[in-house]
Amino acid sequence: MTRTIDGPLTSLVKAVDSAIADNKKLKSFVVYVNSDGAAAAAELEKLAKSAGIENVPLTVFTDPKGPEGYDIAKEADVTVMMWAGTKVKVNHAFTKGDLKEDKARQIADEAKNLR
């Protein structure tokens, strides 16, 4: 779940997309929370095209609270959740500007090793 599209997020999505290409058992999706659904969809389309995203669905959610039941932290700009089966195994929340390239790479590696 993200409220911002920026370089580190793009790097993370691109790395996860690549990991899924290598291991089809992995699944991922991006939820872009933005009250302007049309503008958000255009931004996601641009992201998919520029980063070559093929395996990660990019979606828009217009309620600023995020999807019901996900309990996204109000101060989180980016939240990364990973499941194995039906159990959440990883939950990282980043405030605006805290997701950096090195952390994005670390999370992508974490996804590859998720069991």
N, C-alpha and C. Protein backbone atom coordinates (compact mmCIF):
# COMPACT_ATOMS: atom_id res chain seq x y z
N MET A 1 0.86 -1.15 0.00
CA MET A 1 0.00 0.00 0.00
C MET A 1 0.90 1.21 0.00
N THR A 2 0.59 2.14 -0.88
CA THR A 2 1.40 3.35 -0.94
C THR A 2 0.53 4.58 -1.15
N ARG A 3 1.01 5.68 -0.64
CA ARG A 3 0.35 6.97 -0.87
C ARG A 3 1.19 7.82 -1.82
N THR A 4 2.38 7.32 -2.17
CA THR A 4 3.32 8.07 -3.01
C THR A 4 3.97 7.13 -4.02
N ILE A 5 4.16 7.63 -5.23
CA ILE A 5 4.93 6.91 -6.24
C ILE A 5 6.25 7.65 -6.36
N ASP A 6 7.36 6.98 -5.99
CA ASP A 6 8.67 7.61 -6.09
C ASP A 6 9.71 6.57 -6.47
N GLY A 7 10.97 6.98 -6.50
CA GLY A 7 12.05 6.10 -6.93
C GLY A 7 12.20 4.84 -6.12
N PRO A 8 12.28 4.93 -4.79
CA PRO A 8 12.42 3.70 -3.99
C PRO A 8 11.24 2.74 -4.16
N LEU A 9 10.02 3.28 -4.23
CA LEU A 9 8.87 2.42 -4.44
C LEU A 9 8.97 1.73 -5.81
N THR A 10 9.35 2.50 -6.81
CA THR A 10 9.51 1.93 -8.15
C THR A 10 10.56 0.82 -8.14
N SER A 11 11.66 1.04 -7.46
CA SER A 11 12.71 0.02 -7.35
C SER A 11 12.19 -1.24 -6.66
N LEU A 12 11.42 -1.05 -5.59
CA LEU A 12 10.86 -2.17 -4.87
C LEU A 12 9.91 -2.97 -5.76
N VAL A 13 8.99 -2.30 -6.43
CA VAL A 13 8.02 -2.99 -7.27
C VAL A 13 8.74 -3.70 -8.42
N LYS A 14 9.73 -3.06 -8.99
CA LYS A 14 10.49 -3.67 -10.08
C LYS A 14 11.22 -4.92 -9.60
N ALA A 15 11.83 -4.87 -8.42
CA ALA A 15 12.55 -6.02 -7.87
C ALA A 15 11.59 -7.16 -7.55
N VAL A 16 10.45 -6.84 -6.98
CA VAL A 16 9.46 -7.87 -6.67
C VAL A 16 8.89 -8.46 -7.96
N ASP A 17 8.66 -7.65 -8.94
CA ASP A 17 8.19 -8.12 -10.24
C ASP A 17 9.18 -9.12 -10.83
N SER A 18 10.45 -8.84 -10.73
CA SER A 18 11.50 -9.73 -11.21
C SER A 18 11.52 -11.04 -10.41
N ALA A 19 11.35 -10.94 -9.09
CA ALA A 19 11.34 -12.13 -8.25
C ALA A 19 10.17 -13.04 -8.62
N ILE A 20 9.03 -12.45 -8.92
CA ILE A 20 7.86 -13.23 -9.31
C ILE A 20 8.09 -13.89 -10.67
N ALA A 21 8.76 -13.20 -11.57
CA ALA A 21 9.08 -13.78 -12.87
C ALA A 21 9.93 -15.04 -12.69
N ASP A 22 10.79 -15.03 -11.67
CA ASP A 22 11.66 -16.18 -11.39
C ASP A 22 10.97 -17.27 -10.59
N ASN A 23 9.95 -16.89 -9.82
CA ASN A 23 9.25 -17.85 -8.96
C ASN A 23 7.76 -17.53 -8.99
N LYS A 24 7.02 -18.24 -9.84
CA LYS A 24 5.59 -17.95 -10.02
C LYS A 24 4.75 -18.27 -8.79
N LYS A 25 5.33 -18.90 -7.76
CA LYS A 25 4.58 -19.13 -6.52
C LYS A 25 4.42 -17.84 -5.73
N LEU A 26 5.32 -16.90 -5.96
CA LEU A 26 5.22 -15.60 -5.29
C LEU A 26 4.10 -14.79 -5.93
N LYS A 27 3.41 -14.02 -5.13
CA LYS A 27 2.35 -13.14 -5.62
C LYS A 27 2.51 -11.78 -4.94
N SER A 28 2.10 -10.74 -5.64
CA SER A 28 2.20 -9.40 -5.08
C SER A 28 1.17 -8.51 -5.76
N PHE A 29 0.85 -7.42 -5.11
CA PHE A 29 0.04 -6.38 -5.74
C PHE A 29 0.34 -5.07 -5.03
N VAL A 30 0.10 -3.99 -5.74
CA VAL A 30 0.30 -2.65 -5.18
C VAL A 30 -1.06 -1.97 -5.09
N VAL A 31 -1.33 -1.39 -3.94
CA VAL A 31 -2.53 -0.59 -3.74
C VAL A 31 -2.07 0.85 -3.57
N TYR A 32 -2.43 1.68 -4.52
CA TYR A 32 -2.09 3.10 -4.47
C TYR A 32 -3.29 3.84 -3.90
N VAL A 33 -3.15 4.38 -2.70
CA VAL A 33 -4.23 5.11 -2.04
C VAL A 33 -4.13 6.57 -2.46
N ASN A 34 -5.16 7.01 -3.20
CA ASN A 34 -5.16 8.37 -3.72
C ASN A 34 -6.62 8.73 -4.01
N SER A 35 -7.08 9.85 -3.49
CA SER A 35 -8.48 10.22 -3.65
C SER A 35 -8.86 10.55 -5.10
N ASP A 36 -7.89 10.84 -5.94
CA ASP A 36 -8.14 11.11 -7.36
C ASP A 36 -7.85 9.85 -8.16
N GLY A 37 -8.84 9.00 -8.25
CA GLY A 37 -8.67 7.69 -8.88
C GLY A 37 -8.16 7.75 -10.30
N ALA A 38 -8.64 8.69 -11.11
CA ALA A 38 -8.21 8.78 -12.50
C ALA A 38 -6.74 9.18 -12.60
N ALA A 39 -6.34 10.15 -11.82
CA ALA A 39 -4.93 10.58 -11.83
C ALA A 39 -4.03 9.47 -11.31
N ALA A 40 -4.48 8.76 -10.27
CA ALA A 40 -3.69 7.66 -9.70
C ALA A 40 -3.53 6.54 -10.73
N ALA A 41 -4.59 6.22 -11.44
CA ALA A 41 -4.51 5.17 -12.46
C ALA A 41 -3.52 5.55 -13.55
N ALA A 42 -3.51 6.83 -13.92
CA ALA A 42 -2.56 7.29 -14.94
C ALA A 42 -1.12 7.18 -14.43
N GLU A 43 -0.90 7.51 -13.15
CA GLU A 43 0.44 7.39 -12.57
C GLU A 43 0.89 5.93 -12.55
N LEU A 44 -0.02 5.02 -12.20
CA LEU A 44 0.32 3.60 -12.17
C LEU A 44 0.61 3.06 -13.56
N GLU A 45 -0.14 3.53 -14.53
CA GLU A 45 0.11 3.11 -15.92
C GLU A 45 1.51 3.56 -16.36
N LYS A 46 1.85 4.78 -15.99
CA LYS A 46 3.19 5.30 -16.31
C LYS A 46 4.27 4.47 -15.60
N LEU A 47 4.05 4.13 -14.33
CA LEU A 47 4.98 3.31 -13.58
C LEU A 47 5.16 1.95 -14.25
N ALA A 48 4.06 1.31 -14.59
CA ALA A 48 4.13 -0.01 -15.21
C ALA A 48 4.92 0.03 -16.51
N LYS A 49 4.67 1.04 -17.30
CA LYS A 49 5.35 1.15 -18.59
C LYS A 49 6.83 1.48 -18.42
N SER A 50 7.16 2.46 -17.60
CA SER A 50 8.55 2.89 -17.46
C SER A 50 9.42 1.85 -16.76
N ALA A 51 8.84 1.10 -15.81
CA ALA A 51 9.61 0.10 -15.06
C ALA A 51 9.47 -1.31 -15.63
N GLY A 52 8.61 -1.47 -16.64
CA GLY A 52 8.43 -2.79 -17.24
C GLY A 52 7.75 -3.79 -16.31
N ILE A 53 6.81 -3.32 -15.52
CA ILE A 53 6.11 -4.19 -14.57
C ILE A 53 5.15 -5.10 -15.34
N GLU A 54 5.32 -6.41 -15.14
CA GLU A 54 4.48 -7.38 -15.85
C GLU A 54 3.77 -8.36 -14.92
N ASN A 55 4.28 -8.55 -13.71
CA ASN A 55 3.78 -9.60 -12.82
C ASN A 55 3.10 -9.09 -11.56
N VAL A 56 3.10 -7.80 -11.35
CA VAL A 56 2.52 -7.21 -10.14
C VAL A 56 1.34 -6.33 -10.53
N PRO A 57 0.11 -6.74 -10.16
CA PRO A 57 -1.03 -5.88 -10.43
C PRO A 57 -0.91 -4.56 -9.66
N LEU A 58 -1.23 -3.48 -10.34
CA LEU A 58 -1.18 -2.14 -9.75
C LEU A 58 -2.62 -1.64 -9.66
N THR A 59 -3.08 -1.34 -8.44
CA THR A 59 -4.47 -0.99 -8.22
C THR A 59 -4.59 0.35 -7.50
N VAL A 60 -5.78 0.93 -7.57
CA VAL A 60 -6.07 2.22 -6.93
C VAL A 60 -7.18 2.01 -5.90
N PHE A 61 -7.01 2.66 -4.75
CA PHE A 61 -8.04 2.67 -3.71
C PHE A 61 -8.22 4.12 -3.29
N THR A 62 -9.43 4.63 -3.33
CA THR A 62 -9.64 6.07 -3.12
C THR A 62 -9.94 6.48 -1.68
N ASP A 63 -10.15 5.55 -0.78
CA ASP A 63 -10.39 5.91 0.63
C ASP A 63 -9.04 6.13 1.30
N PRO A 64 -8.80 7.31 1.90
CA PRO A 64 -7.49 7.61 2.50
C PRO A 64 -7.09 6.68 3.64
N LYS A 65 -8.04 5.94 4.22
CA LYS A 65 -7.72 5.00 5.29
C LYS A 65 -7.10 3.71 4.74
N GLY A 66 -7.22 3.49 3.45
CA GLY A 66 -6.75 2.23 2.88
C GLY A 66 -7.85 1.18 2.95
N PRO A 67 -7.58 0.02 2.40
CA PRO A 67 -8.59 -1.04 2.40
C PRO A 67 -8.99 -1.48 3.80
N GLU A 68 -10.28 -1.73 3.98
CA GLU A 68 -10.80 -2.16 5.27
C GLU A 68 -10.16 -3.49 5.69
N GLY A 69 -9.83 -3.57 6.97
CA GLY A 69 -9.27 -4.80 7.51
C GLY A 69 -7.76 -4.89 7.42
N TYR A 70 -7.12 -3.98 6.69
CA TYR A 70 -5.67 -4.02 6.57
C TYR A 70 -4.99 -3.25 7.70
N ASP A 71 -5.74 -2.42 8.38
CA ASP A 71 -5.22 -1.66 9.53
C ASP A 71 -3.91 -0.95 9.20
N ILE A 72 -3.93 -0.18 8.14
CA ILE A 72 -2.75 0.57 7.70
C ILE A 72 -2.53 1.74 8.66
N ALA A 73 -1.30 1.89 9.11
CA ALA A 73 -0.97 3.00 10.01
C ALA A 73 -1.26 4.33 9.33
N LYS A 74 -1.91 5.24 10.05
CA LYS A 74 -2.28 6.54 9.48
C LYS A 74 -1.07 7.32 8.99
N GLU A 75 0.05 7.20 9.71
CA GLU A 75 1.24 7.96 9.34
C GLU A 75 2.08 7.26 8.27
N ALA A 76 1.70 6.05 7.88
CA ALA A 76 2.48 5.30 6.89
C ALA A 76 2.26 5.86 5.49
N ASP A 77 3.36 6.10 4.81
CA ASP A 77 3.31 6.50 3.41
C ASP A 77 3.37 5.25 2.53
N VAL A 78 4.17 4.28 2.95
CA VAL A 78 4.28 3.00 2.26
C VAL A 78 4.19 1.90 3.30
N THR A 79 3.35 0.91 3.05
CA THR A 79 3.25 -0.27 3.91
C THR A 79 3.48 -1.49 3.04
N VAL A 80 4.41 -2.33 3.46
CA VAL A 80 4.71 -3.57 2.74
C VAL A 80 4.28 -4.72 3.63
N MET A 81 3.36 -5.54 3.11
CA MET A 81 2.89 -6.71 3.83
C MET A 81 3.16 -7.93 2.96
N MET A 82 3.60 -9.02 3.60
CA MET A 82 3.83 -10.27 2.89
C MET A 82 3.16 -11.40 3.64
N TRP A 83 2.52 -12.26 2.87
CA TRP A 83 1.81 -13.40 3.42
C TRP A 83 2.46 -14.70 2.98
N ALA A 84 2.32 -15.70 3.81
CA ALA A 84 2.57 -17.09 3.42
C ALA A 84 1.27 -17.80 3.76
N GLY A 85 0.59 -18.29 2.75
CA GLY A 85 -0.74 -18.84 2.97
C GLY A 85 -1.66 -17.69 3.36
N THR A 86 -2.29 -17.80 4.50
CA THR A 86 -3.19 -16.75 4.97
C THR A 86 -2.62 -15.96 6.13
N LYS A 87 -1.36 -16.21 6.47
CA LYS A 87 -0.75 -15.56 7.63
C LYS A 87 0.21 -14.45 7.18
N VAL A 88 0.03 -13.26 7.76
CA VAL A 88 0.95 -12.16 7.48
C VAL A 88 2.28 -12.48 8.15
N LYS A 89 3.33 -12.54 7.34
CA LYS A 89 4.67 -12.87 7.85
C LYS A 89 5.53 -11.62 8.00
N VAL A 90 5.23 -10.60 7.20
CA VAL A 90 6.04 -9.38 7.20
C VAL A 90 5.11 -8.18 7.11
N ASN A 91 5.39 -7.16 7.91
CA ASN A 91 4.63 -5.91 7.84
C ASN A 91 5.60 -4.77 8.14
N HIS A 92 5.97 -4.03 7.11
CA HIS A 92 6.86 -2.88 7.26
C HIS A 92 6.07 -1.62 6.93
N ALA A 93 6.15 -0.63 7.79
CA ALA A 93 5.50 0.66 7.53
C ALA A 93 6.57 1.74 7.49
N PHE A 94 6.48 2.59 6.49
CA PHE A 94 7.46 3.67 6.30
C PHE A 94 6.73 5.00 6.23
N THR A 95 7.22 5.98 6.98
CA THR A 95 6.68 7.32 6.86
C THR A 95 7.26 7.96 5.60
N LYS A 96 6.73 9.08 5.22
CA LYS A 96 7.15 9.74 3.98
C LYS A 96 8.67 9.96 3.97
N GLY A 97 9.30 9.47 2.92
CA GLY A 97 10.73 9.63 2.73
C GLY A 97 11.60 8.58 3.40
N ASP A 98 11.01 7.68 4.20
CA ASP A 98 11.80 6.68 4.92
C ASP A 98 12.13 5.43 4.10
N LEU A 99 11.37 5.15 3.05
CA LEU A 99 11.70 4.01 2.19
C LEU A 99 12.80 4.45 1.25
N LYS A 100 13.98 3.89 1.47
CA LYS A 100 15.16 4.22 0.66
C LYS A 100 15.49 3.04 -0.24
N GLU A 101 16.36 3.27 -1.23
CA GLU A 101 16.73 2.23 -2.19
C GLU A 101 17.28 0.98 -1.51
N ASP A 102 18.14 1.14 -0.49
CA ASP A 102 18.72 -0.03 0.16
C ASP A 102 17.66 -0.85 0.88
N LYS A 103 16.69 -0.20 1.50
CA LYS A 103 15.61 -0.90 2.18
C LYS A 103 14.71 -1.59 1.17
N ALA A 104 14.48 -0.96 0.03
CA ALA A 104 13.67 -1.58 -1.03
C ALA A 104 14.33 -2.88 -1.50
N ARG A 105 15.65 -2.86 -1.69
CA ARG A 105 16.37 -4.08 -2.10
C ARG A 105 16.27 -5.15 -1.02
N GLN A 106 16.40 -4.75 0.24
CA GLN A 106 16.32 -5.71 1.35
C GLN A 106 14.94 -6.37 1.39
N ILE A 107 13.88 -5.59 1.19
CA ILE A 107 12.52 -6.13 1.21
C ILE A 107 12.33 -7.09 0.04
N ALA A 108 12.84 -6.74 -1.12
CA ALA A 108 12.73 -7.62 -2.29
C ALA A 108 13.43 -8.95 -2.01
N ASP A 109 14.59 -8.90 -1.38
CA ASP A 109 15.29 -10.14 -1.00
C ASP A 109 14.48 -10.94 0.02
N GLU A 110 13.88 -10.23 0.93
CA GLU A 110 13.04 -10.88 1.94
C GLU A 110 11.88 -11.63 1.27
N ALA A 111 11.30 -11.02 0.25
CA ALA A 111 10.20 -11.65 -0.48
C ALA A 111 10.64 -12.95 -1.13
N LYS A 112 11.85 -12.96 -1.68
CA LYS A 112 12.36 -14.17 -2.35
C LYS A 112 12.50 -15.33 -1.38
N ASN A 113 12.75 -15.02 -0.11
CA ASN A 113 12.99 -16.06 0.89
C ASN A 113 11.79 -16.36 1.78
N LEU A 114 10.65 -15.77 1.49
CA LEU A 114 9.46 -15.94 2.31
C LEU A 114 8.94 -17.38 2.22
N ARG A 115 8.62 -17.94 3.34
CA ARG A 115 8.07 -19.31 3.38
C ARG A 115 6.84 -19.34 4.25
